[in-house]
Amino acid sequence: MQDVPYEEWVSFTDDHSSGKNILDMGCGTGEITIRLAEKGYQMTGVDLSEDMLAIANDKTPSHVSIHWLQQDIRNLAGLKNFDTVISYFDVLNYITSLDDLKAVFKQTFDVLKPGGAFIFDVHSLVHLQDNMAGETFAEVYDETTYIWFCEPGEQAETFVHDLTFFVQEPDGSYNRFDEYHTQRGYRMELLKKELYSAGFVITAVYADLKREPVHNDAEGDRLFFICKRK
């Protein structure tokens, strides 16, 4: 993630947020959450990973206040009246069950104020099928090397990311560890249908942080949905 242009996500949020009180669902280590807090937003960051939240808390500057919570975005508790909910960097691609996706949309609706904004991105299904599945990726850095295989999953429209990392230790030796990530691609029309069913109005879908609306899955690798609670 070191080459991600985080400030473009922040600018995109500035353009489409409905107010200053924002919930970041699937905040990870807080890169976006902290940047928005430094711009004056009242931020709450929710993630399932205790380890990621610990990193986020440790690097939070002393001059900002962020409420970090370990929760499952399919079953949020004690949260309400947010102006905006954001969920970035393909968090919703990790929701691989349609029932779970419906639950996330319902939870999001419930924590927003009427008229509040829901902003999220997903890898498009076309991108996962055409540019990721069956491919191998690798990077070599000063202290870390990784190899990344992406293959179709057992279930339709799912994809398994198999990553092997080699991390250099202080004595010069390398420690290996592996990660497995399963994601699902959702067709744009399916996402729209479920958003409407949950009570949202979709104001626009953009691709790759561009400001021109798109209308089908093939128009971008990463799709950004801008929605409003009715």
C-alpha atoms as a PDB file:
ATOM      1  CA  MET A   1       0.000   0.000   0.000  1.00  0.00           C
ATOM      2  CA  GLN A   2       2.999   2.345   0.186  1.00  0.00           C
ATOM      3  CA  ASP A   3       2.388   3.779  -3.292  1.00  0.00           C
ATOM      4  CA  VAL A   4      -1.335   4.428  -2.786  1.00  0.00           C
ATOM      5  CA  PRO A   5      -2.247   8.118  -3.378  1.00  0.00           C
ATOM      6  CA  TYR A   6      -4.186   8.438  -0.130  1.00  0.00           C
ATOM      7  CA  GLU A   7      -4.720  12.176  -0.564  1.00  0.00           C
ATOM      8  CA  GLU A   8      -6.836  11.481  -3.658  1.00  0.00           C
ATOM      9  CA  TRP A   9      -9.202   9.397  -1.508  1.00  0.00           C
ATOM     10  CA  VAL A  10      -9.295  12.235   1.030  1.00  0.00           C
ATOM     11  CA  SER A  11     -10.093  14.780  -1.693  1.00  0.00           C
ATOM     12  CA  PHE A  12     -12.799  12.496  -3.073  1.00  0.00           C
ATOM     13  CA  THR A  13     -14.332  12.268   0.412  1.00  0.00           C
ATOM     14  CA  ASP A  14     -14.221  16.054   0.748  1.00  0.00           C
ATOM     15  CA  ASP A  15     -16.163  16.380  -2.490  1.00  0.00           C
ATOM     16  CA  HIS A  16     -18.953  13.971  -1.542  1.00  0.00           C
ATOM     17  CA  SER A  17     -19.291  13.924   2.263  1.00  0.00           C
ATOM     18  CA  SER A  18     -22.570  15.132   3.765  1.00  0.00           C
ATOM     19  CA  GLY A  19     -20.970  16.535   6.908  1.00  0.00           C
ATOM     20  CA  LYS A  20     -18.145  16.369   9.405  1.00  0.00           C
ATOM     21  CA  ASN A  21     -19.133  13.283  11.419  1.00  0.00           C
ATOM     22  CA  ILE A  22     -17.767  10.265   9.518  1.00  0.00           C
ATOM     23  CA  LEU A  23     -17.676   6.534  10.198  1.00  0.00           C
ATOM     24  CA  ASP A  24     -14.850   4.668   8.423  1.00  0.00           C
ATOM     25  CA  MET A  25     -15.941   1.027   8.040  1.00  0.00           C
ATOM     26  CA  GLY A  26     -13.015  -1.346   7.588  1.00  0.00           C
ATOM     27  CA  CYS A  27     -10.552   1.389   8.507  1.00  0.00           C
ATOM     28  CA  GLY A  28      -7.537  -0.943   8.723  1.00  0.00           C
ATOM     29  CA  THR A  29      -4.484   0.843  10.074  1.00  0.00           C
ATOM     30  CA  GLY A  30      -6.220   4.203   9.787  1.00  0.00           C
ATOM     31  CA  GLU A  31      -4.403   5.869   6.907  1.00  0.00           C
ATOM     32  CA  ILE A  32      -7.541   7.559   5.585  1.00  0.00           C
ATOM     33  CA  THR A  33      -9.169   7.956   8.997  1.00  0.00           C
ATOM     34  CA  ILE A  34      -6.225   9.898  10.402  1.00  0.00           C
ATOM     35  CA  ARG A  35      -5.872  12.110   7.336  1.00  0.00           C
ATOM     36  CA  LEU A  36      -9.542  13.060   7.507  1.00  0.00           C
ATOM     37  CA  ALA A  37      -9.285  13.731  11.250  1.00  0.00           C
ATOM     38  CA  GLU A  38      -6.383  16.087  10.580  1.00  0.00           C
ATOM     39  CA  LYS A  39      -8.637  18.003   8.192  1.00  0.00           C
ATOM     40  CA  GLY A  40     -11.181  18.584  10.945  1.00  0.00           C
ATOM     41  CA  TYR A  41     -13.570  15.660  10.486  1.00  0.00           C
ATOM     42  CA  GLN A  42     -14.941  13.889  13.565  1.00  0.00           C
ATOM     43  CA  MET A  43     -13.807  10.341  12.857  1.00  0.00           C
ATOM     44  CA  THR A  44     -14.821   6.916  14.106  1.00  0.00           C
ATOM     45  CA  GLY A  45     -12.848   3.970  12.739  1.00  0.00           C
ATOM     46  CA  VAL A  46     -14.272   0.443  12.824  1.00  0.00           C
ATOM     47  CA  ASP A  47     -12.381  -2.718  11.895  1.00  0.00           C
ATOM     48  CA  LEU A  48     -12.568  -6.417  12.685  1.00  0.00           C
ATOM     49  CA  SER A  49      -8.795  -6.697  13.197  1.00  0.00           C
ATOM     50  CA  GLU A  50      -7.520  -5.888  16.672  1.00  0.00           C
ATOM     51  CA  ASP A  51      -3.946  -5.828  15.342  1.00  0.00           C
ATOM     52  CA  MET A  52      -4.736  -3.231  12.675  1.00  0.00           C
ATOM     53  CA  LEU A  53      -6.594  -1.053  15.171  1.00  0.00           C
ATOM     54  CA  ALA A  54      -3.606  -1.206  17.533  1.00  0.00           C
ATOM     55  CA  ILE A  55      -1.366   0.096  14.755  1.00  0.00           C
ATOM     56  CA  ALA A  56      -3.907   2.815  13.919  1.00  0.00           C
ATOM     57  CA  ASN A  57      -4.110   3.915  17.543  1.00  0.00           C
ATOM     58  CA  ASP A  58      -0.329   3.950  17.968  1.00  0.00           C
ATOM     59  CA  LYS A  59       0.220   6.239  14.994  1.00  0.00           C
ATOM     60  CA  THR A  60      -2.662   8.631  15.724  1.00  0.00           C
ATOM     61  CA  PRO A  61      -1.191  12.119  16.262  1.00  0.00           C
ATOM     62  CA  SER A  62      -1.718  13.600  19.702  1.00  0.00           C
ATOM     63  CA  HIS A  63      -3.530  16.643  18.302  1.00  0.00           C
ATOM     64  CA  VAL A  64      -6.458  14.639  16.882  1.00  0.00           C
ATOM     65  CA  SER A  65      -9.073  12.490  18.569  1.00  0.00           C
ATOM     66  CA  ILE A  66     -10.389   9.359  16.840  1.00  0.00           C
ATOM     67  CA  HIS A  67     -12.764   6.774  18.256  1.00  0.00           C
ATOM     68  CA  TRP A  68     -11.353   3.337  17.310  1.00  0.00           C
ATOM     69  CA  LEU A  69     -13.736   0.380  17.633  1.00  0.00           C
ATOM     70  CA  GLN A  70     -13.324  -3.336  17.015  1.00  0.00           C
ATOM     71  CA  GLN A  71     -16.598  -4.412  15.427  1.00  0.00           C
ATOM     72  CA  ASP A  72     -17.946  -6.495  12.574  1.00  0.00           C
ATOM     73  CA  ILE A  73     -19.444  -4.219   9.915  1.00  0.00           C
ATOM     74  CA  ARG A  74     -22.202  -6.804   9.373  1.00  0.00           C
ATOM     75  CA  ASN A  75     -23.388  -6.198  12.935  1.00  0.00           C
ATOM     76  CA  LEU A  76     -22.592  -2.721  14.211  1.00  0.00           C
ATOM     77  CA  ALA A  77     -23.566  -1.757  17.757  1.00  0.00           C
ATOM     78  CA  GLY A  78     -24.000   1.572  19.522  1.00  0.00           C
ATOM     79  CA  LEU A  79     -23.427   3.707  16.423  1.00  0.00           C
ATOM     80  CA  LYS A  80     -25.886   6.206  14.921  1.00  0.00           C
ATOM     81  CA  ASN A  81     -26.413   9.683  13.452  1.00  0.00           C
ATOM     82  CA  PHE A  82     -23.376   9.813  11.193  1.00  0.00           C
ATOM     83  CA  ASP A  83     -23.299  12.357   8.374  1.00  0.00           C
ATOM     84  CA  THR A  84     -21.233  10.044   6.181  1.00  0.00           C
ATOM     85  CA  VAL A  85     -20.073   6.444   6.110  1.00  0.00           C
ATOM     86  CA  ILE A  86     -17.023   5.532   4.026  1.00  0.00           C
ATOM     87  CA  SER A  87     -15.627   2.093   3.212  1.00  0.00           C
ATOM     88  CA  TYR A  88     -12.515   2.156   1.042  1.00  0.00           C
ATOM     89  CA  PHE A  89      -9.867  -0.100  -0.507  1.00  0.00           C
ATOM     90  CA  ASP A  90     -12.219  -2.939  -1.544  1.00  0.00           C
ATOM     91  CA  VAL A  91     -13.480  -3.700   1.970  1.00  0.00           C
ATOM     92  CA  LEU A  92     -16.805  -4.794   0.483  1.00  0.00           C
ATOM     93  CA  ASN A  93     -15.038  -7.228  -1.861  1.00  0.00           C
ATOM     94  CA  TYR A  94     -14.181  -9.157   1.308  1.00  0.00           C
ATOM     95  CA  ILE A  95     -17.905  -9.589   1.965  1.00  0.00           C
ATOM     96  CA  THR A  96     -18.313 -12.747  -0.091  1.00  0.00           C
ATOM     97  CA  SER A  97     -21.905 -13.699   0.832  1.00  0.00           C
ATOM     98  CA  LEU A  98     -24.840 -11.833  -0.671  1.00  0.00           C
ATOM     99  CA  ASP A  99     -26.705 -12.121   2.634  1.00  0.00           C
ATOM    100  CA  ASP A 100     -23.734 -10.548   4.419  1.00  0.00           C
ATOM    101  CA  LEU A 101     -23.599  -7.761   1.832  1.00  0.00           C
ATOM    102  CA  LYS A 102     -27.287  -7.035   2.478  1.00  0.00           C
ATOM    103  CA  ALA A 103     -26.517  -6.942   6.209  1.00  0.00           C
ATOM    104  CA  VAL A 104     -23.709  -4.412   5.674  1.00  0.00           C
ATOM    105  CA  PHE A 105     -25.986  -2.165   3.618  1.00  0.00           C
ATOM    106  CA  LYS A 106     -28.712  -2.360   6.276  1.00  0.00           C
ATOM    107  CA  GLN A 107     -26.233  -1.568   9.062  1.00  0.00           C
ATOM    108  CA  THR A 108     -24.916   1.379   7.065  1.00  0.00           C
ATOM    109  CA  PHE A 109     -28.428   2.710   6.481  1.00  0.00           C
ATOM    110  CA  ASP A 110     -29.222   2.443  10.186  1.00  0.00           C
ATOM    111  CA  VAL A 111     -26.162   4.393  11.388  1.00  0.00           C
ATOM    112  CA  LEU A 112     -26.627   7.281   8.937  1.00  0.00           C
ATOM    113  CA  LYS A 113     -28.718  10.383   9.421  1.00  0.00           C
ATOM    114  CA  PRO A 114     -31.523  10.836   6.873  1.00  0.00           C
ATOM    115  CA  GLY A 115     -29.858  12.299   3.789  1.00  0.00           C
ATOM    116  CA  GLY A 116     -26.444  11.031   4.932  1.00  0.00           C
ATOM    117  CA  ALA A 117     -23.875   9.838   2.407  1.00  0.00           C
ATOM    118  CA  PHE A 118     -22.519   6.333   1.923  1.00  0.00           C
ATOM    119  CA  ILE A 119     -19.288   6.311  -0.107  1.00  0.00           C
ATOM    120  CA  PHE A 120     -17.470   3.087  -0.939  1.00  0.00           C
ATOM    121  CA  ASP A 121     -15.270   1.477  -3.542  1.00  0.00           C
ATOM    122  CA  VAL A 122     -14.999  -2.043  -4.920  1.00  0.00           C
ATOM    123  CA  HIS A 123     -12.772  -3.797  -7.416  1.00  0.00           C
ATOM    124  CA  SER A 124     -14.971  -4.291 -10.447  1.00  0.00           C
ATOM    125  CA  LEU A 125     -15.842  -7.863 -11.371  1.00  0.00           C
ATOM    126  CA  VAL A 126     -14.388  -7.298 -14.850  1.00  0.00           C
ATOM    127  CA  HIS A 127     -11.078  -6.172 -13.349  1.00  0.00           C
ATOM    128  CA  LEU A 128     -10.888  -9.213 -11.067  1.00  0.00           C
ATOM    129  CA  GLN A 129     -11.738 -11.573 -13.915  1.00  0.00           C
ATOM    130  CA  ASP A 130      -9.613 -10.026 -16.673  1.00  0.00           C
ATOM    131  CA  ASN A 131      -6.654  -8.488 -14.866  1.00  0.00           C
ATOM    132  CA  MET A 132      -6.228 -10.462 -11.650  1.00  0.00           C
ATOM    133  CA  ALA A 133      -7.381 -14.085 -11.975  1.00  0.00           C
ATOM    134  CA  GLY A 134      -4.616 -16.395 -13.161  1.00  0.00           C
ATOM    135  CA  GLU A 135      -1.915 -13.747 -12.720  1.00  0.00           C
ATOM    136  CA  THR A 136       1.216 -13.639 -10.557  1.00  0.00           C
ATOM    137  CA  PHE A 137       2.562 -10.421  -9.039  1.00  0.00           C
ATOM    138  CA  ALA A 138       5.846  -9.824  -7.214  1.00  0.00           C
ATOM    139  CA  GLU A 139       7.774  -6.972  -5.639  1.00  0.00           C
ATOM    140  CA  VAL A 140      11.255  -6.754  -4.134  1.00  0.00           C
ATOM    141  CA  TYR A 141      11.929  -4.035  -1.564  1.00  0.00           C
ATOM    142  CA  ASP A 142      14.955  -3.434   0.655  1.00  0.00           C
ATOM    143  CA  GLU A 143      13.686  -5.559   3.543  1.00  0.00           C
ATOM    144  CA  THR A 144      10.619  -7.290   2.117  1.00  0.00           C
ATOM    145  CA  THR A 145       9.842  -9.435  -0.905  1.00  0.00           C
ATOM    146  CA  TYR A 146       6.472 -10.890  -1.808  1.00  0.00           C
ATOM    147  CA  ILE A 147       4.944 -13.176  -4.409  1.00  0.00           C
ATOM    148  CA  TRP A 148       1.220 -12.902  -5.021  1.00  0.00           C
ATOM    149  CA  PHE A 149      -0.890 -15.463  -6.872  1.00  0.00           C
ATOM    150  CA  CYS A 150      -4.525 -14.788  -7.739  1.00  0.00           C
ATOM    151  CA  GLU A 151      -6.806 -17.656  -8.756  1.00  0.00           C
ATOM    152  CA  PRO A 152     -10.576 -18.078  -9.172  1.00  0.00           C
ATOM    153  CA  GLY A 153     -12.256 -19.364  -6.017  1.00  0.00           C
ATOM    154  CA  GLU A 154     -14.516 -22.355  -5.615  1.00  0.00           C
ATOM    155  CA  GLN A 155     -17.644 -20.191  -5.563  1.00  0.00           C
ATOM    156  CA  ALA A 156     -18.753 -18.196  -8.596  1.00  0.00           C
ATOM    157  CA  GLU A 157     -17.238 -14.715  -8.894  1.00  0.00           C
ATOM    158  CA  THR A 158     -14.853 -15.268  -5.962  1.00  0.00           C
ATOM    159  CA  PHE A 159     -11.068 -14.926  -6.105  1.00  0.00           C
ATOM    160  CA  VAL A 160      -8.330 -16.235  -3.816  1.00  0.00           C
ATOM    161  CA  HIS A 161      -5.197 -14.174  -3.266  1.00  0.00           C
ATOM    162  CA  ASP A 162      -2.306 -16.361  -2.097  1.00  0.00           C
ATOM    163  CA  LEU A 163       0.605 -14.247  -0.853  1.00  0.00           C
ATOM    164  CA  THR A 164       4.033 -15.336   0.367  1.00  0.00           C
ATOM    165  CA  PHE A 165       6.209 -12.763   2.128  1.00  0.00           C
ATOM    166  CA  PHE A 166       9.915 -12.868   2.958  1.00  0.00           C
ATOM    167  CA  VAL A 167      10.857 -10.299   5.598  1.00  0.00           C
ATOM    168  CA  GLN A 168      14.478  -9.619   6.481  1.00  0.00           C
ATOM    169  CA  GLU A 169      15.444  -9.977  10.148  1.00  0.00           C
ATOM    170  CA  PRO A 170      18.128  -7.893  11.920  1.00  0.00           C
ATOM    171  CA  ASP A 171      20.676 -10.709  11.472  1.00  0.00           C
ATOM    172  CA  GLY A 172      20.164 -10.677   7.694  1.00  0.00           C
ATOM    173  CA  SER A 173      18.108 -13.881   7.537  1.00  0.00           C
ATOM    174  CA  TYR A 174      14.618 -13.926   6.068  1.00  0.00           C
ATOM    175  CA  ASN A 175      11.398 -14.967   7.765  1.00  0.00           C
ATOM    176  CA  ARG A 176       8.632 -16.373   5.556  1.00  0.00           C
ATOM    177  CA  PHE A 177       4.922 -16.052   6.197  1.00  0.00           C
ATOM    178  CA  ASP A 178       1.821 -16.599   4.087  1.00  0.00           C
ATOM    179  CA  GLU A 179      -1.570 -14.941   3.781  1.00  0.00           C
ATOM    180  CA  TYR A 180      -4.749 -16.020   2.007  1.00  0.00           C
ATOM    181  CA  HIS A 181      -7.423 -13.507   1.061  1.00  0.00           C
ATOM    182  CA  THR A 182     -10.771 -14.351  -0.515  1.00  0.00           C
ATOM    183  CA  GLN A 183     -12.692 -11.638  -2.331  1.00  0.00           C
ATOM    184  CA  ARG A 184     -15.849 -11.511  -4.398  1.00  0.00           C
ATOM    185  CA  GLY A 185     -16.609  -9.367  -7.405  1.00  0.00           C
ATOM    186  CA  TYR A 186     -20.101  -7.900  -7.614  1.00  0.00           C
ATOM    187  CA  ARG A 187     -21.735  -6.727 -10.803  1.00  0.00           C
ATOM    188  CA  MET A 188     -22.641  -3.054 -10.768  1.00  0.00           C
ATOM    189  CA  GLU A 189     -26.311  -3.770 -11.378  1.00  0.00           C
ATOM    190  CA  LEU A 190     -26.454  -6.173  -8.428  1.00  0.00           C
ATOM    191  CA  LEU A 191     -24.874  -3.604  -6.118  1.00  0.00           C
ATOM    192  CA  LYS A 192     -27.339  -0.969  -7.297  1.00  0.00           C
ATOM    193  CA  LYS A 193     -30.273  -3.326  -6.737  1.00  0.00           C
ATOM    194  CA  GLU A 194     -29.219  -4.155  -3.179  1.00  0.00           C
ATOM    195  CA  LEU A 195     -28.491  -0.523  -2.348  1.00  0.00           C
ATOM    196  CA  TYR A 196     -31.936   0.513  -3.531  1.00  0.00           C
ATOM    197  CA  SER A 197     -33.484  -2.331  -1.530  1.00  0.00           C
ATOM    198  CA  ALA A 198     -31.669  -1.111   1.594  1.00  0.00           C
ATOM    199  CA  GLY A 199     -33.114   2.387   1.169  1.00  0.00           C
ATOM    200  CA  PHE A 200     -30.335   4.241  -0.645  1.00  0.00           C
ATOM    201  CA  VAL A 201     -30.462   6.530  -3.649  1.00  0.00           C
ATOM    202  CA  ILE A 202     -27.371   6.242  -5.865  1.00  0.00           C
ATOM    203  CA  THR A 203     -26.260   9.680  -6.991  1.00  0.00           C
ATOM    204  CA  ALA A 204     -23.306   8.522  -9.111  1.00  0.00           C
ATOM    205  CA  VAL A 205     -20.812   5.756  -9.794  1.00  0.00           C
ATOM    206  CA  TYR A 206     -17.273   6.794 -10.680  1.00  0.00           C
ATOM    207  CA  ALA A 207     -14.229   4.814 -11.803  1.00  0.00           C
ATOM    208  CA  ASP A 208     -10.681   5.098 -10.475  1.00  0.00           C
ATOM    209  CA  LEU A 209     -11.276   8.419  -8.670  1.00  0.00           C
ATOM    210  CA  LYS A 210     -12.188  10.173 -11.907  1.00  0.00           C
ATOM    211  CA  ARG A 211     -15.036  12.674 -11.760  1.00  0.00           C
ATOM    212  CA  GLU A 212     -16.997  11.460 -14.797  1.00  0.00           C
ATOM    213  CA  PRO A 213     -19.821   8.991 -13.986  1.00  0.00           C
ATOM    214  CA  VAL A 214     -19.661   5.485 -15.460  1.00  0.00           C
ATOM    215  CA  HIS A 215     -22.488   3.104 -16.275  1.00  0.00           C
ATOM    216  CA  ASN A 216     -21.056  -0.404 -16.609  1.00  0.00           C
ATOM    217  CA  ASP A 217     -18.530  -2.729 -15.004  1.00  0.00           C
ATOM    218  CA  ALA A 218     -15.968  -2.460 -17.793  1.00  0.00           C
ATOM    219  CA  GLU A 219     -15.341   1.269 -17.443  1.00  0.00           C
ATOM    220  CA  GLY A 220     -12.880   1.083 -14.549  1.00  0.00           C
ATOM    221  CA  ASP A 221     -10.800  -1.176 -12.325  1.00  0.00           C
ATOM    222  CA  ARG A 222     -12.114   0.343  -9.091  1.00  0.00           C
ATOM    223  CA  LEU A 223     -15.681   1.612  -8.878  1.00  0.00           C
ATOM    224  CA  PHE A 224     -16.723   4.329  -6.434  1.00  0.00           C
ATOM    225  CA  PHE A 225     -20.371   4.510  -5.369  1.00  0.00           C
ATOM    226  CA  ILE A 226     -21.889   7.709  -4.001  1.00  0.00           C
ATOM    227  CA  CYS A 227     -25.176   6.997  -2.220  1.00  0.00           C
ATOM    228  CA  LYS A 228     -27.625   8.881  -0.029  1.00  0.00           C
ATOM    229  CA  ARG A 229     -29.939   7.553   2.660  1.00  0.00           C
ATOM    230  CA  LYS A 230     -33.522   8.335   1.647  1.00  0.00           C
END
